[in-house]
């Protein structure tokens, strides 16, 4: 899915008219672990290992011994570009990435007559990796002939540190909460967009070359919580539910842009400019929730 969240911030030098966040991967915050992903949302009703803090912290109570976990993840993303009026730019672009996806350490204990579990966690949630590179040929009734090379690159990730706590309220019911701190950790909580545009050709003013480059770096921080319950309805049937609270993230945007135009036949018409700026923005992150059912046949 591609989610475009527009801020409406004009840029005077860049060829883009709006600054925006582009997220090439799904913006649905799911948990970690290959086994859990294979079960889909149903793992919300299982949540019986140290990755439970990311799926349903209410399931941590099922851990009888201290447990640590580490999860790695990788992906390959292929994107096909299809330009209706410029078929010469058609083609595919591919990116790949491997990262540490999850780290955790959980410790169960008893206080009074209540069983409890505490857990420290780190989760890599969203990836912004994208790379487009294509060429356009533009012409107009013999008055304009331009070759344009476009290079668009985006890289970065968002992660959260978490502290989780779970308590067994009733013999069949447990409740848990994970506090997520969206700050720098193993990876920086930021992403960077670089846009390069090089053109050469001729127009009404003769031959020319044009070069432009814009860079935008987004630094992200925020806080939210995961609330979860696990209910053993019967000895075979489990019900789980989780709610991940919405929050407003703080974003610092540092941007720079530059361009130059050179005309070999008319050097007096050469021009160039550059600009730097820093802005502080708010990004509303949506709530998410899930329910799961698990039935043990034996």
Protein backbone atom coordinates (compact mmCIF):
# COMPACT_ATOMS: atom_id res chain seq x y z
CA UNK A 1 0.00 0.00 0.00
CA UNK A 2 1.11 3.52 -0.66
CA UNK A 3 -0.08 6.09 1.88
CA UNK A 4 0.51 9.73 0.98
CA UNK A 5 0.11 12.07 3.93
CA UNK A 6 0.27 15.65 2.70
CA UNK A 7 1.59 18.44 4.88
CA UNK A 8 0.99 21.27 2.40
CA UNK A 9 4.44 22.88 2.85
CA UNK A 10 5.46 24.75 -0.34
CA UNK A 11 8.97 24.43 -1.74
CA UNK A 12 10.35 27.30 -3.85
CA UNK A 13 13.35 25.53 -5.34
CA UNK A 14 12.38 21.89 -5.55
CA UNK A 15 10.36 20.70 -8.53
CA UNK A 16 7.86 19.25 -6.03
CA UNK A 17 5.09 21.58 -4.90
CA UNK A 18 4.20 19.69 -1.71
CA UNK A 19 6.31 17.93 0.87
CA UNK A 20 4.83 14.57 1.75
CA UNK A 21 5.55 11.32 3.50
CA UNK A 22 5.71 8.32 1.20
CA UNK A 23 5.46 4.91 2.83
CA UNK A 24 5.88 2.05 0.34
CA UNK A 25 5.07 -0.68 2.89
CA UNK A 26 1.86 -1.34 4.79
CA UNK A 27 1.20 1.13 7.58
CA UNK A 28 -0.60 -1.48 9.68
CA UNK A 29 1.55 -2.08 12.80
CA UNK A 30 1.76 -5.85 13.15
CA UNK A 31 3.81 -7.86 15.62
CA UNK A 32 6.98 -9.87 15.11
CA UNK A 33 7.97 -13.49 14.65
CA UNK A 34 7.68 -15.89 11.72
CA UNK A 35 5.37 -18.27 13.58
CA UNK A 36 3.05 -15.45 14.60
CA UNK A 37 2.98 -13.92 11.10
CA UNK A 38 2.12 -17.34 9.69
CA UNK A 39 -0.93 -17.47 11.95
CA UNK A 40 -2.01 -13.94 11.05
CA UNK A 41 -4.19 -12.10 13.53
CA UNK A 42 -5.11 -15.37 15.25
CA UNK A 43 -1.85 -15.15 17.20
CA UNK A 44 -3.48 -12.39 19.27
CA UNK A 45 -5.35 -15.24 20.98
CA UNK A 46 -2.20 -17.38 21.37
CA UNK A 47 0.62 -14.93 22.26
CA UNK A 48 2.57 -17.58 24.16
CA UNK A 49 6.16 -16.49 23.56
CA UNK A 50 8.32 -13.42 24.14
CA UNK A 51 6.97 -11.67 21.01
CA UNK A 52 3.60 -11.35 22.78
CA UNK A 53 4.42 -7.77 23.81
CA UNK A 54 4.10 -6.77 20.14
CA UNK A 55 0.93 -8.76 19.45
CA UNK A 56 -0.98 -8.96 22.72
CA UNK A 57 0.82 -8.15 25.99
CA UNK A 58 -1.99 -9.96 27.83
CA UNK A 59 -0.46 -13.24 26.65
CA UNK A 60 2.87 -12.74 28.42
CA UNK A 61 1.42 -14.38 31.53
CA UNK A 62 1.84 -17.75 29.80
CA UNK A 63 5.63 -17.55 30.14
CA UNK A 64 6.70 -19.82 33.03
CA UNK A 65 10.44 -19.14 32.74
CA UNK A 66 12.63 -16.17 31.81
CA UNK A 67 12.85 -15.93 28.02
CA UNK A 68 14.80 -13.92 25.45
CA UNK A 69 14.11 -13.66 21.74
CA UNK A 70 15.65 -12.18 18.62
CA UNK A 71 13.93 -11.92 15.24
CA UNK A 72 15.51 -11.03 11.91
CA UNK A 73 13.52 -10.00 8.85
CA UNK A 74 14.23 -9.34 5.20
CA UNK A 75 12.25 -8.32 2.16
CA UNK A 76 12.48 -7.73 -1.56
CA UNK A 77 10.17 -5.06 -2.97
CA UNK A 78 9.60 -4.85 -6.74
CA UNK A 79 7.74 -1.91 -8.24
CA UNK A 80 6.75 -1.55 -11.90
CA UNK A 81 6.56 1.96 -13.34
CA UNK A 82 4.27 2.56 -16.31
CA UNK A 83 4.28 6.01 -17.96
CA UNK A 84 1.37 6.33 -20.36
CA UNK A 85 2.86 9.22 -22.37
CA UNK A 86 6.53 8.22 -21.97
CA UNK A 87 6.83 4.46 -22.52
CA UNK A 88 10.63 4.76 -22.73
CA UNK A 89 10.64 5.24 -18.95
CA UNK A 90 8.70 2.04 -18.27
CA UNK A 91 10.50 -0.54 -16.19
CA UNK A 92 10.85 -2.22 -12.82
CA UNK A 93 12.73 -1.07 -9.75
CA UNK A 94 13.77 -3.38 -6.94
CA UNK A 95 15.07 -2.89 -3.41
CA UNK A 96 15.97 -5.37 -0.68
CA UNK A 97 16.82 -5.02 2.98
CA UNK A 98 17.57 -7.18 6.02
CA UNK A 99 17.33 -5.90 9.57
CA UNK A 100 16.94 -6.94 13.18
CA UNK A 101 13.18 -6.95 13.58
CA UNK A 102 12.70 -7.69 17.28
CA UNK A 103 14.58 -8.13 20.56
CA UNK A 104 13.08 -8.95 23.94
CA UNK A 105 13.76 -10.26 27.43
CA UNK A 106 10.90 -11.40 29.67
CA UNK A 107 10.85 -12.31 33.36
CA UNK A 108 7.88 -13.95 35.16
CA UNK A 109 7.43 -13.59 38.94
CA UNK A 110 4.83 -13.76 41.70
CA UNK A 111 3.84 -10.90 43.97
CA UNK A 112 1.44 -11.83 46.73
CA UNK A 113 -1.17 -14.05 45.13
CA UNK A 114 -0.78 -12.57 41.64
CA UNK A 115 1.31 -13.96 38.81
CA UNK A 116 3.04 -11.24 36.76
CA UNK A 117 5.48 -10.84 33.90
CA UNK A 118 7.68 -7.88 32.93
CA UNK A 119 9.36 -7.55 29.56
CA UNK A 120 11.72 -5.19 27.72
CA UNK A 121 11.34 -5.09 23.95
CA UNK A 122 12.61 -3.47 20.78
CA UNK A 123 10.66 -3.66 17.51
CA UNK A 124 11.40 -2.41 14.01
CA UNK A 125 7.95 -1.48 12.68
CA UNK A 126 8.02 0.43 9.40
CA UNK A 127 10.44 0.54 6.47
CA UNK A 128 10.68 3.38 3.94
CA UNK A 129 13.13 1.87 1.43
CA UNK A 130 12.47 2.79 -2.21
CA UNK A 131 14.63 3.43 -5.27
CA UNK A 132 13.38 4.69 -8.64
CA UNK A 133 15.61 5.45 -11.62
CA UNK A 134 14.24 6.21 -15.08
CA UNK A 135 14.76 8.36 -18.20
CA UNK A 136 12.27 10.55 -20.06
CA UNK A 137 12.52 11.94 -23.58
CA UNK A 138 10.53 15.11 -24.16
CA UNK A 139 9.90 16.88 -27.45
CA UNK A 140 7.48 19.48 -28.77
CA UNK A 141 7.05 20.21 -32.50
CA UNK A 142 10.78 20.37 -33.02
CA UNK A 143 11.06 23.40 -30.72
CA UNK A 144 12.17 21.43 -27.68
CA UNK A 145 14.26 18.27 -27.35
CA UNK A 146 15.09 17.20 -23.79
CA UNK A 147 16.56 14.07 -22.21
CA UNK A 148 15.70 13.86 -18.52
CA UNK A 149 17.22 11.46 -15.97
CA UNK A 150 15.33 11.06 -12.71
CA UNK A 151 16.78 9.36 -9.63
CA UNK A 152 14.57 9.06 -6.54
CA UNK A 153 15.85 7.32 -3.42
CA UNK A 154 14.30 6.87 0.01
CA UNK A 155 15.74 5.00 2.96
CA UNK A 156 14.98 4.75 6.66
CA UNK A 157 12.99 2.98 9.32
CA UNK A 158 10.79 3.52 12.38
CA UNK A 159 11.25 1.49 15.56
CA UNK A 160 10.05 1.57 19.15
CA UNK A 161 11.45 0.56 22.51
CA UNK A 162 8.86 -1.07 24.76
CA UNK A 163 8.36 -1.89 28.43
CA UNK A 164 5.62 -4.45 29.02
CA UNK A 165 3.75 -5.63 32.11
CA UNK A 166 1.19 -8.41 32.43
CA UNK A 167 -0.89 -9.61 35.39
CA UNK A 168 -3.30 -12.50 35.81
CA UNK A 169 -6.47 -10.84 37.11
CA UNK A 170 -8.54 -14.04 37.27
CA UNK A 171 -7.59 -17.67 36.71
CA UNK A 172 -8.99 -17.39 33.16
CA UNK A 173 -8.21 -13.72 32.42
CA UNK A 174 -4.99 -11.74 32.10
CA UNK A 175 -4.30 -8.11 31.19
CA UNK A 176 -1.15 -6.55 29.79
CA UNK A 177 0.18 -3.21 28.61
CA UNK A 178 3.22 -2.27 26.52
CA UNK A 179 4.56 1.28 26.63
CA UNK A 180 6.19 2.15 23.30
CA UNK A 181 8.87 4.85 23.08
CA UNK A 182 9.45 5.77 19.43
CA UNK A 183 13.05 6.94 19.78
CA UNK A 184 16.47 6.10 18.34
CA UNK A 185 17.65 2.59 19.12
CA UNK A 186 19.55 0.01 17.10
CA UNK A 187 18.51 2.07 14.08
CA UNK A 188 17.88 5.79 13.87
CA UNK A 189 14.20 6.76 13.91
CA UNK A 190 14.37 8.72 10.69
CA UNK A 191 14.12 8.45 6.94
CA UNK A 192 15.72 10.37 4.10
CA UNK A 193 14.45 11.23 0.63
CA UNK A 194 16.81 12.25 -2.19
CA UNK A 195 15.52 13.48 -5.54
CA UNK A 196 17.90 14.18 -8.45
CA UNK A 197 16.85 15.57 -11.82
CA UNK A 198 19.29 16.07 -14.70
CA UNK A 199 18.19 17.41 -18.07
CA UNK A 200 19.97 18.29 -21.26
CA UNK A 201 18.77 19.35 -24.68
CA UNK A 202 17.56 22.43 -26.45
CA UNK A 203 14.62 24.80 -26.19
CA UNK A 204 13.73 28.19 -27.59
CA UNK A 205 16.84 29.65 -25.95
CA UNK A 206 19.29 27.13 -27.41
CA UNK A 207 21.17 24.26 -25.79
CA UNK A 208 21.15 23.91 -22.02
CA UNK A 209 21.86 21.59 -19.10
CA UNK A 210 19.85 21.53 -15.92
CA UNK A 211 20.77 19.84 -12.63
CA UNK A 212 18.73 19.81 -9.44
CA UNK A 213 18.98 17.96 -6.14
CA UNK A 214 16.69 18.01 -3.12
CA UNK A 215 17.16 16.16 0.17
CA UNK A 216 14.62 15.81 2.96
CA UNK A 217 15.39 14.15 6.30
CA UNK A 218 12.54 13.34 8.70
CA UNK A 219 13.38 12.73 12.40
CA UNK A 220 10.53 10.97 14.24
CA UNK A 221 9.67 10.64 17.95
CA UNK A 222 6.53 9.78 19.90
CA UNK A 223 4.87 7.59 22.52
CA UNK A 224 1.91 5.20 22.57
CA UNK A 225 0.71 2.04 24.31
CA UNK A 226 -0.56 -1.45 23.46
CA UNK A 227 -3.36 -2.75 25.71
CA UNK A 228 -4.26 -6.43 25.56
CA UNK A 229 -6.33 -9.13 27.24
CA UNK A 230 -6.24 -12.90 26.98
CA UNK A 231 -9.30 -14.89 28.08
CA UNK A 232 -9.31 -18.68 28.39
CA UNK A 233 -12.98 -19.16 27.58
CA UNK A 234 -12.70 -22.94 27.91
CA UNK A 235 -9.81 -25.38 28.18
CA UNK A 236 -9.64 -25.39 24.36
CA UNK A 237 -10.89 -21.95 23.31
CA UNK A 238 -8.94 -18.70 23.75
CA UNK A 239 -10.05 -15.16 22.99
CA UNK A 240 -7.57 -12.30 22.65
CA UNK A 241 -7.92 -8.59 21.96
CA UNK A 242 -5.43 -5.76 21.57
CA UNK A 243 -5.76 -2.00 21.18
CA UNK A 244 -2.86 0.19 20.05
CA UNK A 245 -3.48 3.79 21.00
CA UNK A 246 -3.26 6.69 18.52
CA UNK A 247 -0.66 9.37 19.10
CA UNK A 248 0.76 12.53 17.61
CA UNK A 249 4.38 12.16 16.58
CA UNK A 250 6.89 15.01 16.55
CA UNK A 251 8.77 15.33 13.27
CA UNK A 252 11.74 17.54 12.57
CA UNK A 253 12.18 18.06 8.86
CA UNK A 254 15.55 19.22 7.56
CA UNK A 255 15.55 19.96 3.86
CA UNK A 256 18.01 21.30 1.32
CA UNK A 257 17.71 21.91 -2.40
CA UNK A 258 19.80 23.33 -5.20
CA UNK A 259 19.67 23.75 -8.94
CA UNK A 260 21.79 25.11 -11.78
CA UNK A 261 21.08 25.97 -15.41
CA UNK A 262 23.92 26.38 -17.89
CA UNK A 263 23.62 27.59 -21.48
CA UNK A 264 26.88 27.03 -23.46
CA UNK A 265 25.76 29.46 -26.21
CA UNK A 266 24.70 32.17 -23.76
CA UNK A 267 26.70 32.06 -20.48
CA UNK A 268 25.05 35.27 -19.27
CA UNK A 269 21.80 33.33 -18.94
CA UNK A 270 23.32 30.79 -16.49
CA UNK A 271 21.67 30.68 -13.10
CA UNK A 272 21.81 28.70 -9.87
CA UNK A 273 20.34 28.78 -6.40
CA UNK A 274 20.22 26.77 -3.18
CA UNK A 275 18.12 26.69 -0.04
CA UNK A 276 18.12 25.08 3.41
CA UNK A 277 15.36 24.97 5.97
CA UNK A 278 14.22 23.25 9.17
CA UNK A 279 10.58 22.72 10.07
CA UNK A 280 8.79 21.09 13.00
CA UNK A 281 5.70 19.10 12.08
CA UNK A 282 3.05 16.98 13.78
CA UNK A 283 1.97 13.64 12.33
CA UNK A 284 -1.21 11.99 13.64
CA UNK A 285 -0.65 8.25 13.84
CA UNK A 286 -3.91 6.26 13.79
CA UNK A 287 -5.16 3.78 16.35
CA UNK A 288 -5.26 0.10 15.48
CA UNK A 289 -6.89 -2.88 17.09
CA UNK A 290 -7.31 -6.60 16.58
CA UNK A 291 -9.07 -9.67 17.95
CA UNK A 292 -8.12 -13.31 17.70
CA UNK A 293 -9.68 -16.70 18.40
CA UNK A 294 -7.72 -19.91 18.89
CA UNK A 295 -9.18 -23.41 19.32
CA UNK A 296 -7.08 -26.37 20.37
CA UNK A 297 -8.49 -29.61 18.96
CA UNK A 298 -6.22 -31.76 21.10
